[in-house]
Structures are given as C-alpha cells and as structure tokens.
Amino acid sequence: MAGGSSAVAEVYRHRPRGLWSVRECGRVVGHREAIALVGVILRASEAARLRCLRTGARDVHAWAAGTVADLPRPEGARRLLYRIEEPGFRVEGAVVTRAAAAWFEADGSAWCEGGEG
C-alpha cells in the first residue's frame, strides 16, 4: 500500500483514531491521514445502519472501495457525506453509489468527482 496499489482498497473513517482505515481483502492494512481513490463504489449496509440506530452499536457499515491514487483534489470536487441518520452516501442531498474519484481528507471530510446514483 506504500505508494498505492492496483488492489481494491476499502476506506472508512476510524473515528477514535481520527484517521482513515484502509482495508484490502477484508483486512486492515493501514491508517492514513488522507487518501484518494479512483473508480469508486460507495457501499452502505442499510440493515447494519438500522441496527446501529436501534442498538447504539458502532460498527463499520459504510465504506468506499476503489483503487488508491496519488491525485490532488480538484477545485470542482463536491462534498461527499454519510450520516447514520439517513440511508446512503450523499452529494448535494442526492444518494450516490459511484464516483470517478474520491478524496478523504485529514480533517475528516470527503469529496468526490463524478458522483452518480
């Protein structure tokens, strides 16, 4: 994972560490302050989201999957949001499931380009 790899990486926010966790083949291979992905698929388990709301449990049920890339975030990238209170990832209020590229920043924000439903 050092400079990026061709393997599909899954990225999600590790809130206690304040970093982005990176999984490959279901195994956490590292944590990053910031990371970019291309060919992104956004996955969120609705059943797990509802269970977390019902029980107060905190588990990983939403993540982005794609190929790690070394790309600067373009000025036109749009804010990518996930909130447990609503299903799915959202850009400007619309649910998105894919993006051409996504940037996960050190401040915990996420951005995407080419988001689609």
N, C-alpha and C. Protein backbone atom coordinates (compact mmCIF):
# COMPACT_ATOMS: atom_id res chain seq x y z
N MET A 1 0.82 -1.19 0.00
CA MET A 1 0.00 0.00 0.00
C MET A 1 0.86 1.25 0.00
N ALA A 2 2.14 1.15 0.08
CA ALA A 2 3.03 2.28 0.26
C ALA A 2 2.76 3.44 -0.68
N GLY A 3 2.85 3.26 -1.97
CA GLY A 3 2.62 4.37 -2.87
C GLY A 3 1.35 4.20 -3.66
N GLY A 4 0.49 3.32 -3.21
CA GLY A 4 -0.71 3.00 -3.96
C GLY A 4 -0.53 1.60 -4.52
N SER A 5 -1.61 0.95 -4.83
CA SER A 5 -1.52 -0.39 -5.38
C SER A 5 -2.66 -0.58 -6.35
N SER A 6 -2.60 -1.66 -7.10
CA SER A 6 -3.68 -1.93 -8.03
C SER A 6 -4.81 -2.70 -7.37
N ALA A 7 -4.60 -3.17 -6.13
CA ALA A 7 -5.64 -3.90 -5.41
C ALA A 7 -6.75 -2.93 -5.02
N VAL A 8 -7.97 -3.46 -4.94
CA VAL A 8 -9.08 -2.64 -4.48
C VAL A 8 -8.92 -2.41 -2.98
N ALA A 9 -8.99 -1.14 -2.61
CA ALA A 9 -8.90 -0.77 -1.20
C ALA A 9 -10.26 -0.27 -0.75
N GLU A 10 -10.59 -0.59 0.49
CA GLU A 10 -11.81 -0.08 1.11
C GLU A 10 -11.39 0.93 2.16
N VAL A 11 -12.03 2.09 2.15
CA VAL A 11 -11.67 3.18 3.05
C VAL A 11 -12.88 3.57 3.89
N TYR A 12 -12.65 3.74 5.19
CA TYR A 12 -13.69 4.23 6.08
C TYR A 12 -13.03 5.02 7.20
N ARG A 13 -13.80 5.88 7.85
CA ARG A 13 -13.27 6.73 8.91
C ARG A 13 -13.19 5.95 10.21
N HIS A 14 -12.01 5.95 10.80
CA HIS A 14 -11.80 5.36 12.12
C HIS A 14 -11.88 6.53 13.10
N ARG A 15 -13.06 6.75 13.63
CA ARG A 15 -13.30 7.96 14.44
C ARG A 15 -12.42 8.06 15.67
N PRO A 16 -12.21 6.98 16.46
CA PRO A 16 -11.36 7.13 17.65
C PRO A 16 -9.92 7.55 17.31
N ARG A 17 -9.38 7.06 16.21
CA ARG A 17 -8.02 7.43 15.81
C ARG A 17 -7.97 8.75 15.05
N GLY A 18 -9.10 9.16 14.49
CA GLY A 18 -9.13 10.37 13.67
C GLY A 18 -8.38 10.18 12.36
N LEU A 19 -8.39 8.94 11.86
CA LEU A 19 -7.69 8.60 10.61
C LEU A 19 -8.63 7.81 9.71
N TRP A 20 -8.20 7.62 8.48
CA TRP A 20 -8.93 6.77 7.54
C TRP A 20 -8.33 5.36 7.59
N SER A 21 -9.13 4.36 7.85
CA SER A 21 -8.67 2.98 7.82
C SER A 21 -8.72 2.49 6.39
N VAL A 22 -7.72 1.67 6.03
CA VAL A 22 -7.62 1.13 4.67
C VAL A 22 -7.60 -0.38 4.79
N ARG A 23 -8.59 -1.02 4.13
CA ARG A 23 -8.67 -2.49 4.11
C ARG A 23 -8.38 -2.98 2.70
N GLU A 24 -7.71 -4.11 2.63
CA GLU A 24 -7.55 -4.84 1.38
C GLU A 24 -7.88 -6.29 1.67
N CYS A 25 -8.71 -6.89 0.83
CA CYS A 25 -9.14 -8.29 1.01
C CYS A 25 -9.72 -8.52 2.41
N GLY A 26 -10.45 -7.53 2.93
CA GLY A 26 -11.12 -7.67 4.21
C GLY A 26 -10.24 -7.44 5.42
N ARG A 27 -8.97 -7.11 5.22
CA ARG A 27 -8.03 -6.93 6.32
C ARG A 27 -7.51 -5.50 6.35
N VAL A 28 -7.50 -4.87 7.53
CA VAL A 28 -6.96 -3.52 7.65
C VAL A 28 -5.45 -3.59 7.43
N VAL A 29 -4.98 -2.83 6.43
CA VAL A 29 -3.55 -2.83 6.09
C VAL A 29 -2.86 -1.53 6.51
N GLY A 30 -3.63 -0.58 7.01
CA GLY A 30 -3.02 0.65 7.47
C GLY A 30 -4.04 1.73 7.76
N HIS A 31 -3.53 2.85 8.25
CA HIS A 31 -4.35 4.02 8.53
C HIS A 31 -3.66 5.22 7.90
N ARG A 32 -4.45 6.12 7.36
CA ARG A 32 -3.89 7.30 6.68
C ARG A 32 -4.60 8.56 7.15
N GLU A 33 -3.87 9.65 7.14
CA GLU A 33 -4.50 10.95 7.40
C GLU A 33 -5.39 11.32 6.23
N ALA A 34 -4.92 11.05 5.02
CA ALA A 34 -5.68 11.38 3.81
C ALA A 34 -5.37 10.33 2.76
N ILE A 35 -6.35 10.12 1.86
CA ILE A 35 -6.17 9.13 0.80
C ILE A 35 -7.13 9.46 -0.34
N ALA A 36 -6.75 9.12 -1.55
CA ALA A 36 -7.61 9.31 -2.72
C ALA A 36 -7.83 7.96 -3.39
N LEU A 37 -9.03 7.79 -3.96
CA LEU A 37 -9.39 6.58 -4.69
C LEU A 37 -9.95 6.96 -6.05
N VAL A 38 -9.76 6.09 -7.02
CA VAL A 38 -10.41 6.23 -8.33
C VAL A 38 -11.27 5.00 -8.59
N GLY A 39 -12.26 5.15 -9.49
CA GLY A 39 -13.17 4.04 -9.77
C GLY A 39 -13.91 3.62 -8.52
N VAL A 40 -14.54 4.57 -7.85
CA VAL A 40 -15.07 4.38 -6.51
C VAL A 40 -16.50 3.82 -6.51
N ILE A 41 -16.69 2.82 -5.67
CA ILE A 41 -18.02 2.29 -5.38
C ILE A 41 -18.28 2.58 -3.90
N LEU A 42 -19.43 3.19 -3.62
CA LEU A 42 -19.80 3.56 -2.25
C LEU A 42 -20.79 2.54 -1.72
N ARG A 43 -20.43 1.92 -0.62
CA ARG A 43 -21.26 0.84 -0.07
C ARG A 43 -21.73 1.22 1.34
N ALA A 44 -23.01 1.00 1.58
CA ALA A 44 -23.58 1.25 2.91
C ALA A 44 -24.65 0.20 3.17
N SER A 45 -24.49 -0.57 4.22
CA SER A 45 -25.47 -1.60 4.57
C SER A 45 -26.64 -0.95 5.31
N GLU A 46 -27.80 -1.01 4.69
CA GLU A 46 -28.99 -0.43 5.31
C GLU A 46 -29.39 -1.21 6.56
N ALA A 47 -29.29 -2.54 6.53
CA ALA A 47 -29.65 -3.34 7.70
C ALA A 47 -28.73 -3.01 8.88
N ALA A 48 -27.44 -2.86 8.63
CA ALA A 48 -26.50 -2.54 9.70
C ALA A 48 -26.73 -1.12 10.20
N ARG A 49 -27.05 -0.19 9.30
CA ARG A 49 -27.33 1.20 9.71
C ARG A 49 -28.52 1.22 10.65
N LEU A 50 -29.58 0.51 10.29
CA LEU A 50 -30.77 0.47 11.15
C LEU A 50 -30.47 -0.20 12.48
N ARG A 51 -29.67 -1.27 12.47
CA ARG A 51 -29.29 -1.93 13.72
C ARG A 51 -28.51 -0.99 14.62
N CYS A 52 -27.58 -0.23 14.03
CA CYS A 52 -26.79 0.74 14.83
C CYS A 52 -27.69 1.81 15.42
N LEU A 53 -28.66 2.28 14.66
CA LEU A 53 -29.60 3.27 15.18
C LEU A 53 -30.42 2.68 16.33
N ARG A 54 -30.86 1.45 16.17
CA ARG A 54 -31.71 0.80 17.16
C ARG A 54 -30.95 0.47 18.45
N THR A 55 -29.72 -0.04 18.32
CA THR A 55 -28.99 -0.54 19.50
C THR A 55 -27.94 0.43 20.03
N GLY A 56 -27.57 1.43 19.22
CA GLY A 56 -26.50 2.34 19.64
C GLY A 56 -25.11 1.77 19.36
N ALA A 57 -25.06 0.59 18.74
CA ALA A 57 -23.76 -0.02 18.41
C ALA A 57 -23.05 0.83 17.37
N ARG A 58 -21.73 0.73 17.35
CA ARG A 58 -20.94 1.43 16.35
C ARG A 58 -20.09 0.40 15.63
N ASP A 59 -20.39 0.22 14.37
CA ASP A 59 -19.59 -0.71 13.59
C ASP A 59 -19.38 -0.13 12.19
N VAL A 60 -18.52 -0.76 11.45
CA VAL A 60 -18.24 -0.31 10.08
C VAL A 60 -19.33 -0.87 9.17
N HIS A 61 -20.18 0.01 8.69
CA HIS A 61 -21.24 -0.44 7.80
C HIS A 61 -21.32 0.43 6.54
N ALA A 62 -20.39 1.36 6.39
CA ALA A 62 -20.35 2.20 5.20
C ALA A 62 -18.89 2.47 4.84
N TRP A 63 -18.55 2.28 3.56
CA TRP A 63 -17.18 2.50 3.13
C TRP A 63 -17.14 2.79 1.63
N ALA A 64 -15.99 3.26 1.19
CA ALA A 64 -15.75 3.50 -0.23
C ALA A 64 -14.71 2.48 -0.70
N ALA A 65 -14.91 1.92 -1.87
CA ALA A 65 -13.97 0.95 -2.43
C ALA A 65 -13.48 1.47 -3.77
N GLY A 66 -12.18 1.36 -4.00
CA GLY A 66 -11.61 1.80 -5.26
C GLY A 66 -10.12 1.55 -5.28
N THR A 67 -9.47 2.09 -6.29
CA THR A 67 -8.02 1.94 -6.43
C THR A 67 -7.34 3.17 -5.86
N VAL A 68 -6.36 2.95 -4.99
CA VAL A 68 -5.63 4.06 -4.38
C VAL A 68 -4.90 4.83 -5.47
N ALA A 69 -4.98 6.16 -5.39
CA ALA A 69 -4.36 7.02 -6.40
C ALA A 69 -3.64 8.18 -5.72
N ASP A 70 -2.69 8.73 -6.42
CA ASP A 70 -1.96 9.90 -5.93
C ASP A 70 -2.43 11.10 -6.75
N LEU A 71 -3.61 11.61 -6.40
CA LEU A 71 -4.22 12.70 -7.14
C LEU A 71 -4.57 13.85 -6.21
N PRO A 72 -4.26 15.08 -6.61
CA PRO A 72 -4.72 16.21 -5.80
C PRO A 72 -6.22 16.41 -6.01
N ARG A 73 -6.90 16.87 -4.97
CA ARG A 73 -8.34 17.14 -5.10
C ARG A 73 -8.56 18.36 -5.98
N PRO A 74 -9.36 18.22 -7.04
CA PRO A 74 -9.62 19.37 -7.91
C PRO A 74 -10.56 20.37 -7.24
N GLU A 75 -10.49 21.58 -7.69
CA GLU A 75 -11.30 22.65 -7.12
C GLU A 75 -12.80 22.36 -7.24
N GLY A 76 -13.22 21.67 -8.29
CA GLY A 76 -14.63 21.40 -8.52
C GLY A 76 -15.19 20.19 -7.81
N ALA A 77 -14.40 19.50 -6.99
CA ALA A 77 -14.89 18.31 -6.28
C ALA A 77 -16.04 18.72 -5.35
N ARG A 78 -17.01 17.81 -5.21
CA ARG A 78 -18.17 18.10 -4.37
C ARG A 78 -18.11 17.30 -3.08
N ARG A 79 -18.66 17.87 -2.03
CA ARG A 79 -18.63 17.26 -0.70
C ARG A 79 -19.43 15.95 -0.70
N LEU A 80 -18.83 14.91 -0.18
CA LEU A 80 -19.44 13.59 -0.05
C LEU A 80 -19.77 13.39 1.43
N LEU A 81 -21.02 13.08 1.72
CA LEU A 81 -21.46 12.97 3.11
C LEU A 81 -22.05 11.60 3.40
N TYR A 82 -21.83 11.14 4.62
CA TYR A 82 -22.53 9.97 5.13
C TYR A 82 -22.95 10.31 6.55
N ARG A 83 -24.22 10.13 6.83
CA ARG A 83 -24.76 10.34 8.17
C ARG A 83 -25.60 9.13 8.51
N ILE A 84 -25.41 8.59 9.69
CA ILE A 84 -26.15 7.40 10.09
C ILE A 84 -27.65 7.64 10.12
N GLU A 85 -28.06 8.88 10.27
CA GLU A 85 -29.49 9.21 10.34
C GLU A 85 -30.21 9.04 9.01
N GLU A 86 -29.50 9.01 7.89
CA GLU A 86 -30.13 8.85 6.58
C GLU A 86 -29.42 7.77 5.79
N PRO A 87 -30.15 7.03 4.98
CA PRO A 87 -29.52 5.95 4.21
C PRO A 87 -28.62 6.48 3.10
N GLY A 88 -27.53 5.79 2.87
CA GLY A 88 -26.65 6.06 1.73
C GLY A 88 -25.72 7.24 1.86
N PHE A 89 -24.74 7.26 0.96
CA PHE A 89 -23.85 8.40 0.81
C PHE A 89 -24.58 9.45 0.00
N ARG A 90 -24.27 10.72 0.25
CA ARG A 90 -24.99 11.80 -0.43
C ARG A 90 -24.04 12.88 -0.93
N VAL A 91 -24.42 13.42 -2.08
CA VAL A 91 -23.77 14.61 -2.64
C VAL A 91 -24.90 15.59 -2.95
N GLU A 92 -24.84 16.74 -2.33
CA GLU A 92 -25.86 17.77 -2.53
C GLU A 92 -27.26 17.21 -2.34
N GLY A 93 -27.43 16.34 -1.34
CA GLY A 93 -28.73 15.78 -0.98
C GLY A 93 -29.15 14.53 -1.75
N ALA A 94 -28.48 14.22 -2.84
CA ALA A 94 -28.83 13.05 -3.65
C ALA A 94 -27.96 11.85 -3.27
N VAL A 95 -28.58 10.68 -3.20
CA VAL A 95 -27.85 9.45 -2.89
C VAL A 95 -26.94 9.11 -4.07
N VAL A 96 -25.68 8.78 -3.76
CA VAL A 96 -24.73 8.36 -4.79
C VAL A 96 -24.13 7.02 -4.40
N THR A 97 -23.87 6.20 -5.41
CA THR A 97 -23.30 4.88 -5.17
C THR A 97 -21.96 4.69 -5.88
N ARG A 98 -21.60 5.63 -6.76
CA ARG A 98 -20.35 5.55 -7.51
C ARG A 98 -19.78 6.94 -7.69
N ALA A 99 -18.46 6.98 -7.90
CA ALA A 99 -17.79 8.23 -8.24
C ALA A 99 -16.55 7.90 -9.06
N ALA A 100 -16.20 8.81 -9.96
CA ALA A 100 -14.98 8.61 -10.74
C ALA A 100 -13.76 8.65 -9.82
N ALA A 101 -13.80 9.55 -8.83
CA ALA A 101 -12.71 9.68 -7.87
C ALA A 101 -13.25 10.24 -6.57
N ALA A 102 -12.57 9.94 -5.47
CA ALA A 102 -12.96 10.48 -4.17
C ALA A 102 -11.71 10.77 -3.35
N TRP A 103 -11.79 11.81 -2.55
CA TRP A 103 -10.69 12.24 -1.70
C TRP A 103 -11.18 12.25 -0.27
N PHE A 104 -10.41 11.63 0.61
CA PHE A 104 -10.71 11.53 2.02
C PHE A 104 -9.62 12.31 2.74
N GLU A 105 -9.99 13.44 3.30
CA GLU A 105 -9.02 14.43 3.80
C GLU A 105 -8.69 14.25 5.28
N ALA A 106 -7.58 14.86 5.69
CA ALA A 106 -7.10 14.77 7.07
C ALA A 106 -8.10 15.35 8.07
N ASP A 107 -8.90 16.32 7.66
CA ASP A 107 -9.87 16.92 8.57
C ASP A 107 -11.14 16.08 8.72
N GLY A 108 -11.19 14.91 8.07
CA GLY A 108 -12.34 14.02 8.16
C GLY A 108 -13.37 14.24 7.07
N SER A 109 -13.17 15.25 6.23
CA SER A 109 -14.12 15.49 5.14
C SER A 109 -13.82 14.56 3.97
N ALA A 110 -14.85 14.35 3.15
CA ALA A 110 -14.71 13.53 1.95
C ALA A 110 -15.30 14.30 0.78
N TRP A 111 -14.70 14.12 -0.39
CA TRP A 111 -15.06 14.84 -1.59
C TRP A 111 -15.08 13.88 -2.75
N CYS A 112 -15.87 14.17 -3.77
CA CYS A 112 -15.87 13.29 -4.93
C CYS A 112 -16.06 14.08 -6.21
N GLU A 113 -15.74 13.40 -7.28
CA GLU A 113 -15.92 13.94 -8.63
C GLU A 113 -16.65 12.87 -9.43
N GLY A 114 -17.67 13.26 -10.16
CA GLY A 114 -18.41 12.30 -10.98
C GLY A 114 -19.30 11.39 -10.18
N GLY A 115 -19.89 11.88 -9.09
CA GLY A 115 -20.80 11.07 -8.26
C GLY A 115 -22.08 10.78 -9.01
N GLU A 116 -22.53 9.52 -8.94
CA GLU A 116 -23.78 9.13 -9.60
C GLU A 116 -24.54 8.13 -8.75
N GLY A 117 -25.83 8.06 -8.96
CA GLY A 117 -26.72 7.20 -8.18
C GLY A 117 -26.80 5.79 -8.64
